[in-house]
Amino acid sequence: MLDKIGEPGSSKATLFELLGGAEQVRAIVERFYDIMDTDPRAAGIRAMHAPDLTSAREKLFMFLTGWTGGPQLYMERYGHPRLRMRHMSFPIDDSARDQWMYCMVKAMHDTGVDEAIIEKMGAALYGVADFMRNREG
């Protein structure tokens, strides 16, 4: 999880605060799944999801809220995320990782997240997404 990140000229703020709170996290998540659901470049990861994305949307919102330094909604409801274990049944390779990152970075751009925040959050999320790989290639 990300805790505190420094912004030049200000006291340390959580990424959750820098994003603008729950409303912005929700907007990113909604746009992320809209992209995944419609963009052919994300067809591989879309196929790994249930036809109805409602549950996935809510779980990612709760996870990202806590991961960015906001309320620990996911942990309160489901316990420790155990991301790798929970995703082990899905064939996650470089392509799946890159499709996920494409959707997330595009969602942040589309929802007006500041470029500096996109870079910080994108770099941190890439590490998480790369850790999720469980297949070669």
N, C-alpha and C. Protein backbone atom coordinates (compact mmCIF):
# COMPACT_ATOMS: atom_id res chain seq x y z
N MET A 1 0.83 -1.18 0.00
CA MET A 1 0.00 0.00 0.00
C MET A 1 0.87 1.24 0.00
N LEU A 2 0.31 2.28 -0.57
CA LEU A 2 1.00 3.56 -0.52
C LEU A 2 0.58 4.26 0.75
N ASP A 3 1.50 4.82 1.44
CA ASP A 3 1.16 5.56 2.64
C ASP A 3 1.21 7.05 2.33
N LYS A 4 2.35 7.65 2.58
CA LYS A 4 2.49 9.09 2.37
C LYS A 4 3.47 9.35 1.24
N ILE A 5 3.14 10.32 0.43
CA ILE A 5 4.06 10.76 -0.60
C ILE A 5 4.19 12.27 -0.48
N GLY A 6 5.36 12.75 -0.71
CA GLY A 6 5.59 14.17 -0.55
C GLY A 6 5.30 14.96 -1.81
N GLU A 7 4.75 16.09 -1.66
CA GLU A 7 4.54 17.03 -2.75
C GLU A 7 5.42 18.23 -2.47
N PRO A 8 6.13 18.72 -3.47
CA PRO A 8 6.99 19.88 -3.26
C PRO A 8 6.21 21.05 -2.65
N GLY A 9 6.76 21.60 -1.59
CA GLY A 9 6.16 22.79 -1.00
C GLY A 9 4.96 22.53 -0.11
N SER A 10 4.67 21.26 0.19
CA SER A 10 3.53 20.99 1.04
C SER A 10 3.87 19.87 2.02
N SER A 11 3.04 19.73 3.04
CA SER A 11 3.24 18.62 3.96
C SER A 11 2.87 17.34 3.21
N LYS A 12 3.29 16.23 3.75
CA LYS A 12 3.00 14.97 3.08
C LYS A 12 1.49 14.72 3.07
N ALA A 13 1.02 14.25 1.94
CA ALA A 13 -0.40 13.93 1.79
C ALA A 13 -0.50 12.53 1.22
N THR A 14 -1.58 11.85 1.54
CA THR A 14 -1.78 10.55 0.94
C THR A 14 -2.16 10.73 -0.53
N LEU A 15 -1.93 9.70 -1.29
CA LEU A 15 -2.34 9.72 -2.68
C LEU A 15 -3.85 9.85 -2.77
N PHE A 16 -4.55 9.25 -1.83
CA PHE A 16 -6.01 9.38 -1.76
C PHE A 16 -6.41 10.86 -1.68
N GLU A 17 -5.72 11.60 -0.82
CA GLU A 17 -6.00 13.03 -0.68
C GLU A 17 -5.61 13.80 -1.95
N LEU A 18 -4.45 13.47 -2.50
CA LEU A 18 -3.99 14.16 -3.71
C LEU A 18 -4.92 13.90 -4.89
N LEU A 19 -5.50 12.71 -4.95
CA LEU A 19 -6.46 12.41 -6.02
C LEU A 19 -7.76 13.19 -5.86
N GLY A 20 -8.11 13.49 -4.63
CA GLY A 20 -9.36 14.19 -4.39
C GLY A 20 -10.38 13.34 -3.65
N GLY A 21 -9.94 12.22 -3.11
CA GLY A 21 -10.81 11.41 -2.28
C GLY A 21 -11.60 10.35 -3.02
N ALA A 22 -12.62 9.86 -2.32
CA ALA A 22 -13.40 8.72 -2.79
C ALA A 22 -14.09 8.97 -4.13
N GLU A 23 -14.56 10.18 -4.34
CA GLU A 23 -15.26 10.49 -5.59
C GLU A 23 -14.35 10.29 -6.80
N GLN A 24 -13.10 10.71 -6.68
CA GLN A 24 -12.16 10.55 -7.79
C GLN A 24 -11.73 9.10 -7.95
N VAL A 25 -11.52 8.41 -6.85
CA VAL A 25 -11.19 6.98 -6.94
C VAL A 25 -12.33 6.24 -7.63
N ARG A 26 -13.55 6.56 -7.25
CA ARG A 26 -14.72 5.92 -7.88
C ARG A 26 -14.76 6.22 -9.37
N ALA A 27 -14.49 7.45 -9.75
CA ALA A 27 -14.50 7.83 -11.17
C ALA A 27 -13.45 7.06 -11.95
N ILE A 28 -12.26 6.91 -11.37
CA ILE A 28 -11.20 6.15 -12.03
C ILE A 28 -11.62 4.70 -12.23
N VAL A 29 -12.16 4.10 -11.19
CA VAL A 29 -12.58 2.70 -11.26
C VAL A 29 -13.68 2.51 -12.30
N GLU A 30 -14.66 3.39 -12.29
CA GLU A 30 -15.75 3.28 -13.26
C GLU A 30 -15.22 3.39 -14.69
N ARG A 31 -14.34 4.36 -14.91
CA ARG A 31 -13.78 4.53 -16.26
C ARG A 31 -12.90 3.35 -16.62
N PHE A 32 -12.12 2.84 -15.67
CA PHE A 32 -11.28 1.67 -15.89
C PHE A 32 -12.11 0.50 -16.44
N TYR A 33 -13.22 0.19 -15.77
CA TYR A 33 -14.03 -0.94 -16.23
C TYR A 33 -14.80 -0.63 -17.50
N ASP A 34 -15.15 0.62 -17.71
CA ASP A 34 -15.77 0.98 -18.99
C ASP A 34 -14.80 0.74 -20.14
N ILE A 35 -13.55 1.11 -19.95
CA ILE A 35 -12.52 0.89 -20.97
C ILE A 35 -12.33 -0.61 -21.17
N MET A 36 -12.16 -1.34 -20.09
CA MET A 36 -11.95 -2.78 -20.18
C MET A 36 -13.11 -3.45 -20.92
N ASP A 37 -14.30 -2.97 -20.68
CA ASP A 37 -15.50 -3.58 -21.25
C ASP A 37 -15.68 -3.28 -22.74
N THR A 38 -15.05 -2.22 -23.24
CA THR A 38 -15.32 -1.79 -24.61
C THR A 38 -14.10 -1.72 -25.53
N ASP A 39 -12.92 -1.61 -24.99
CA ASP A 39 -11.73 -1.41 -25.81
C ASP A 39 -11.16 -2.76 -26.23
N PRO A 40 -11.05 -3.01 -27.53
CA PRO A 40 -10.49 -4.29 -27.99
C PRO A 40 -9.08 -4.57 -27.46
N ARG A 41 -8.34 -3.53 -27.10
CA ARG A 41 -6.99 -3.74 -26.56
C ARG A 41 -7.01 -4.39 -25.18
N ALA A 42 -8.19 -4.44 -24.56
CA ALA A 42 -8.32 -5.04 -23.23
C ALA A 42 -9.13 -6.34 -23.27
N ALA A 43 -9.34 -6.88 -24.45
CA ALA A 43 -10.18 -8.08 -24.59
C ALA A 43 -9.67 -9.25 -23.77
N GLY A 44 -8.37 -9.40 -23.66
CA GLY A 44 -7.81 -10.51 -22.90
C GLY A 44 -8.17 -10.47 -21.43
N ILE A 45 -8.04 -9.31 -20.81
CA ILE A 45 -8.40 -9.23 -19.38
C ILE A 45 -9.91 -9.17 -19.19
N ARG A 46 -10.62 -8.61 -20.17
CA ARG A 46 -12.08 -8.61 -20.05
C ARG A 46 -12.61 -10.02 -20.00
N ALA A 47 -12.02 -10.92 -20.78
CA ALA A 47 -12.46 -12.31 -20.82
C ALA A 47 -12.25 -13.03 -19.49
N MET A 48 -11.37 -12.51 -18.66
CA MET A 48 -11.12 -13.13 -17.34
C MET A 48 -12.18 -12.75 -16.32
N HIS A 49 -13.01 -11.78 -16.64
CA HIS A 49 -14.01 -11.27 -15.71
C HIS A 49 -15.40 -11.83 -16.00
N ALA A 50 -16.25 -11.80 -15.00
CA ALA A 50 -17.65 -12.20 -15.17
C ALA A 50 -18.34 -11.23 -16.12
N PRO A 51 -19.41 -11.67 -16.76
CA PRO A 51 -20.15 -10.77 -17.65
C PRO A 51 -20.60 -9.48 -16.95
N ASP A 52 -21.04 -9.61 -15.70
CA ASP A 52 -21.47 -8.45 -14.91
C ASP A 52 -20.28 -7.97 -14.09
N LEU A 53 -19.86 -6.74 -14.32
CA LEU A 53 -18.69 -6.19 -13.66
C LEU A 53 -18.99 -5.47 -12.34
N THR A 54 -20.22 -5.53 -11.88
CA THR A 54 -20.62 -4.78 -10.68
C THR A 54 -19.74 -5.12 -9.48
N SER A 55 -19.56 -6.39 -9.20
CA SER A 55 -18.76 -6.80 -8.05
C SER A 55 -17.29 -6.40 -8.22
N ALA A 56 -16.76 -6.59 -9.41
CA ALA A 56 -15.37 -6.21 -9.67
C ALA A 56 -15.18 -4.71 -9.47
N ARG A 57 -16.12 -3.92 -9.94
CA ARG A 57 -16.03 -2.47 -9.78
C ARG A 57 -15.98 -2.10 -8.30
N GLU A 58 -16.85 -2.70 -7.51
CA GLU A 58 -16.91 -2.36 -6.10
C GLU A 58 -15.65 -2.81 -5.36
N LYS A 59 -15.16 -4.00 -5.66
CA LYS A 59 -13.96 -4.50 -4.98
C LYS A 59 -12.73 -3.66 -5.35
N LEU A 60 -12.59 -3.28 -6.62
CA LEU A 60 -11.44 -2.45 -6.98
C LEU A 60 -11.56 -1.07 -6.33
N PHE A 61 -12.76 -0.52 -6.28
CA PHE A 61 -12.94 0.77 -5.60
C PHE A 61 -12.52 0.66 -4.13
N MET A 62 -12.99 -0.36 -3.45
CA MET A 62 -12.64 -0.52 -2.03
C MET A 62 -11.14 -0.73 -1.86
N PHE A 63 -10.55 -1.57 -2.71
CA PHE A 63 -9.11 -1.82 -2.62
C PHE A 63 -8.31 -0.55 -2.87
N LEU A 64 -8.60 0.15 -3.99
CA LEU A 64 -7.82 1.35 -4.32
C LEU A 64 -8.00 2.45 -3.29
N THR A 65 -9.17 2.54 -2.69
CA THR A 65 -9.38 3.54 -1.64
C THR A 65 -8.38 3.34 -0.52
N GLY A 66 -8.26 2.12 -0.05
CA GLY A 66 -7.31 1.83 1.03
C GLY A 66 -5.87 1.87 0.57
N TRP A 67 -5.61 1.36 -0.61
CA TRP A 67 -4.24 1.29 -1.14
C TRP A 67 -3.65 2.68 -1.32
N THR A 68 -4.49 3.66 -1.65
CA THR A 68 -4.02 5.03 -1.84
C THR A 68 -3.96 5.82 -0.53
N GLY A 69 -4.33 5.20 0.56
CA GLY A 69 -4.23 5.88 1.86
C GLY A 69 -5.54 6.33 2.45
N GLY A 70 -6.64 5.98 1.82
CA GLY A 70 -7.96 6.31 2.34
C GLY A 70 -8.44 5.22 3.30
N PRO A 71 -9.73 5.25 3.60
CA PRO A 71 -10.29 4.22 4.50
C PRO A 71 -10.05 2.81 3.97
N GLN A 72 -9.77 1.90 4.84
CA GLN A 72 -9.45 0.51 4.48
C GLN A 72 -10.73 -0.31 4.23
N LEU A 73 -11.52 0.11 3.27
CA LEU A 73 -12.81 -0.51 2.99
C LEU A 73 -12.70 -1.98 2.63
N TYR A 74 -11.74 -2.32 1.79
CA TYR A 74 -11.59 -3.71 1.36
C TYR A 74 -11.23 -4.59 2.55
N MET A 75 -10.25 -4.16 3.32
CA MET A 75 -9.80 -4.97 4.45
C MET A 75 -10.90 -5.13 5.50
N GLU A 76 -11.69 -4.08 5.69
CA GLU A 76 -12.78 -4.16 6.66
C GLU A 76 -13.81 -5.21 6.25
N ARG A 77 -14.05 -5.35 4.95
CA ARG A 77 -15.07 -6.29 4.49
C ARG A 77 -14.51 -7.68 4.20
N TYR A 78 -13.33 -7.75 3.59
CA TYR A 78 -12.81 -9.03 3.11
C TYR A 78 -11.53 -9.49 3.79
N GLY A 79 -10.92 -8.67 4.60
CA GLY A 79 -9.65 -9.02 5.20
C GLY A 79 -8.50 -8.63 4.28
N HIS A 80 -7.33 -9.15 4.56
CA HIS A 80 -6.15 -8.82 3.77
C HIS A 80 -6.41 -9.13 2.29
N PRO A 81 -5.99 -8.25 1.38
CA PRO A 81 -6.28 -8.47 -0.04
C PRO A 81 -5.69 -9.76 -0.63
N ARG A 82 -4.53 -10.18 -0.18
CA ARG A 82 -3.90 -11.40 -0.72
C ARG A 82 -4.05 -11.45 -2.24
N LEU A 83 -3.62 -10.36 -2.87
CA LEU A 83 -3.85 -10.18 -4.30
C LEU A 83 -3.36 -11.33 -5.15
N ARG A 84 -2.15 -11.74 -4.95
CA ARG A 84 -1.60 -12.80 -5.80
C ARG A 84 -2.39 -14.09 -5.62
N MET A 85 -2.70 -14.44 -4.40
CA MET A 85 -3.47 -15.66 -4.14
C MET A 85 -4.86 -15.58 -4.78
N ARG A 86 -5.51 -14.45 -4.63
CA ARG A 86 -6.87 -14.30 -5.16
C ARG A 86 -6.90 -14.31 -6.69
N HIS A 87 -5.79 -14.00 -7.32
CA HIS A 87 -5.73 -13.95 -8.78
C HIS A 87 -5.01 -15.15 -9.40
N MET A 88 -4.59 -16.09 -8.58
CA MET A 88 -3.79 -17.22 -9.08
C MET A 88 -4.54 -18.06 -10.11
N SER A 89 -5.84 -18.12 -10.04
CA SER A 89 -6.60 -18.95 -10.99
C SER A 89 -6.70 -18.31 -12.38
N PHE A 90 -6.27 -17.07 -12.50
CA PHE A 90 -6.31 -16.37 -13.78
C PHE A 90 -4.92 -16.39 -14.42
N PRO A 91 -4.85 -16.66 -15.72
CA PRO A 91 -3.54 -16.69 -16.39
C PRO A 91 -3.03 -15.28 -16.66
N ILE A 92 -2.24 -14.77 -15.73
CA ILE A 92 -1.75 -13.39 -15.84
C ILE A 92 -0.32 -13.41 -16.34
N ASP A 93 -0.13 -12.93 -17.55
CA ASP A 93 1.19 -12.84 -18.18
C ASP A 93 1.49 -11.38 -18.48
N ASP A 94 2.56 -11.14 -19.21
CA ASP A 94 2.93 -9.76 -19.53
C ASP A 94 1.80 -9.03 -20.26
N SER A 95 1.14 -9.73 -21.17
CA SER A 95 0.05 -9.11 -21.93
C SER A 95 -1.10 -8.69 -21.02
N ALA A 96 -1.49 -9.58 -20.09
CA ALA A 96 -2.58 -9.25 -19.16
C ALA A 96 -2.18 -8.07 -18.28
N ARG A 97 -0.95 -8.10 -17.78
CA ARG A 97 -0.45 -6.98 -16.97
C ARG A 97 -0.53 -5.68 -17.76
N ASP A 98 -0.05 -5.72 -19.00
CA ASP A 98 -0.02 -4.51 -19.81
C ASP A 98 -1.42 -4.02 -20.18
N GLN A 99 -2.35 -4.95 -20.40
CA GLN A 99 -3.73 -4.55 -20.69
C GLN A 99 -4.35 -3.88 -19.46
N TRP A 100 -4.09 -4.44 -18.28
CA TRP A 100 -4.61 -3.85 -17.05
C TRP A 100 -4.06 -2.44 -16.86
N MET A 101 -2.76 -2.31 -17.06
CA MET A 101 -2.12 -0.99 -16.92
C MET A 101 -2.64 -0.01 -17.96
N TYR A 102 -2.84 -0.47 -19.18
CA TYR A 102 -3.40 0.40 -20.23
C TYR A 102 -4.74 0.97 -19.77
N CYS A 103 -5.61 0.10 -19.27
CA CYS A 103 -6.94 0.55 -18.82
C CYS A 103 -6.82 1.54 -17.66
N MET A 104 -5.91 1.26 -16.72
CA MET A 104 -5.79 2.12 -15.54
C MET A 104 -5.21 3.48 -15.91
N VAL A 105 -4.15 3.51 -16.68
CA VAL A 105 -3.55 4.79 -17.05
C VAL A 105 -4.52 5.61 -17.90
N LYS A 106 -5.20 4.96 -18.83
CA LYS A 106 -6.18 5.66 -19.66
C LYS A 106 -7.32 6.19 -18.79
N ALA A 107 -7.76 5.40 -17.82
CA ALA A 107 -8.83 5.85 -16.92
C ALA A 107 -8.39 7.09 -16.13
N MET A 108 -7.15 7.09 -15.67
CA MET A 108 -6.66 8.26 -14.93
C MET A 108 -6.60 9.48 -15.84
N HIS A 109 -6.11 9.30 -17.06
CA HIS A 109 -6.09 10.43 -18.01
C HIS A 109 -7.51 10.91 -18.30
N ASP A 110 -8.41 9.98 -18.58
CA ASP A 110 -9.78 10.33 -18.95
C ASP A 110 -10.55 11.02 -17.84
N THR A 111 -10.17 10.77 -16.58
CA THR A 111 -10.87 11.39 -15.46
C THR A 111 -10.17 12.63 -14.93
N GLY A 112 -9.14 13.07 -15.64
CA GLY A 112 -8.52 14.35 -15.31
C GLY A 112 -7.51 14.33 -14.18
N VAL A 113 -6.94 13.18 -13.89
CA VAL A 113 -5.92 13.12 -12.85
C VAL A 113 -4.67 13.86 -13.33
N ASP A 114 -4.07 14.62 -12.45
CA ASP A 114 -2.87 15.38 -12.75
C ASP A 114 -1.76 14.43 -13.22
N GLU A 115 -1.00 14.87 -14.21
CA GLU A 115 0.04 14.03 -14.82
C GLU A 115 1.06 13.55 -13.79
N ALA A 116 1.44 14.39 -12.85
CA ALA A 116 2.41 13.97 -11.83
C ALA A 116 1.85 12.84 -10.97
N ILE A 117 0.57 12.90 -10.68
CA ILE A 117 -0.07 11.85 -9.88
C ILE A 117 -0.18 10.58 -10.72
N ILE A 118 -0.51 10.72 -12.00
CA ILE A 118 -0.58 9.55 -12.88
C ILE A 118 0.77 8.84 -12.90
N GLU A 119 1.84 9.61 -12.98
CA GLU A 119 3.18 9.00 -13.01
C GLU A 119 3.47 8.25 -11.71
N LYS A 120 3.19 8.86 -10.57
CA LYS A 120 3.44 8.22 -9.28
C LYS A 120 2.56 6.99 -9.10
N MET A 121 1.27 7.15 -9.34
CA MET A 121 0.34 6.05 -9.13
C MET A 121 0.58 4.95 -10.16
N GLY A 122 0.86 5.36 -11.40
CA GLY A 122 1.13 4.38 -12.44
C GLY A 122 2.34 3.53 -12.14
N ALA A 123 3.41 4.16 -11.66
CA ALA A 123 4.63 3.43 -11.33
C ALA A 123 4.37 2.44 -10.19
N ALA A 124 3.65 2.88 -9.18
CA ALA A 124 3.35 2.00 -8.05
C ALA A 124 2.43 0.86 -8.48
N LEU A 125 1.42 1.17 -9.28
CA LEU A 125 0.50 0.12 -9.74
C LEU A 125 1.18 -0.85 -10.69
N TYR A 126 2.13 -0.38 -11.46
CA TYR A 126 2.87 -1.29 -12.33
C TYR A 126 3.58 -2.36 -11.50
N GLY A 127 4.15 -1.95 -10.39
CA GLY A 127 4.80 -2.92 -9.52
C GLY A 127 3.82 -3.96 -9.01
N VAL A 128 2.64 -3.53 -8.64
CA VAL A 128 1.61 -4.47 -8.18
C VAL A 128 1.18 -5.38 -9.33
N ALA A 129 0.90 -4.79 -10.49
CA ALA A 129 0.45 -5.57 -11.65
C ALA A 129 1.52 -6.56 -12.08
N ASP A 130 2.77 -6.16 -12.03
CA ASP A 130 3.84 -7.05 -12.43
C ASP A 130 3.98 -8.21 -11.43
N PHE A 131 3.78 -7.93 -10.15
CA PHE A 131 3.82 -8.96 -9.12
C PHE A 131 2.72 -10.00 -9.32
N MET A 132 1.62 -9.61 -9.96
CA MET A 132 0.49 -10.50 -10.16
C MET A 132 0.74 -11.56 -11.24
N ARG A 133 1.76 -11.34 -12.06
CA ARG A 133 2.04 -12.30 -13.14
C ARG A 133 2.29 -13.68 -12.57
N ASN A 134 1.65 -14.67 -13.18
CA ASN A 134 1.84 -16.05 -12.76
C ASN A 134 2.08 -16.97 -13.96
N ARG A 135 2.31 -16.37 -15.11
CA ARG A 135 2.61 -17.10 -16.34
C ARG A 135 3.75 -16.37 -17.07
N GLU A 136 4.55 -17.12 -17.79
CA GLU A 136 5.61 -16.51 -18.60
C GLU A 136 5.01 -15.86 -19.84
N GLY A 137 5.74 -14.88 -20.36
CA GLY A 137 5.33 -14.25 -21.62
C GLY A 137 4.43 -13.10 -21.48
